[in-house]
């Protein structure tokens, strides 16, 4: 399945909607400190970045619709399917980290990714699991950063 995408128009619309939504919800998500310490508000940098993204999105939409400056890219599902599947697996990984913990989520998802990519050597699978356990204990014991432990605590 192939279809054409007008990059300026689509990017302008997607990023414009996303930045407008984030600007709308930011006051509910990022609170201003109760006391004035003289430091800039925690909303200032994200607010500036989102405003610039919104402005650039409007410029892209104007370039596409008014000035007809457009780059059209053909999207071929067969070529893009592996990358989209890997992105979906990484999204599942983020969800699984919260639900079953870092070690189990890393073991499950990265073993699936290795298998999907064609890796069949058992040492690589063992190394991946050992690396997940090692990273978990490195962060929790050395860096004192809490990762979701799942059944292992955390």
Foldseek 3Di string as FASTA:
>chain_A
DKDKDFVLQVQLVVLLVVLVVCLVCVCVVADFDPDCPVDDGPVVVVNVVSVVSNVSSVVSNCCCPPVVDTDMDMDDCVVCVVVVVLVVLVVVLVVVCVAANQLVSQLVSVVVVCVVVPDDDVVVSVVSSVVSVVVQCCCCPVVVHDGGHHVHHD
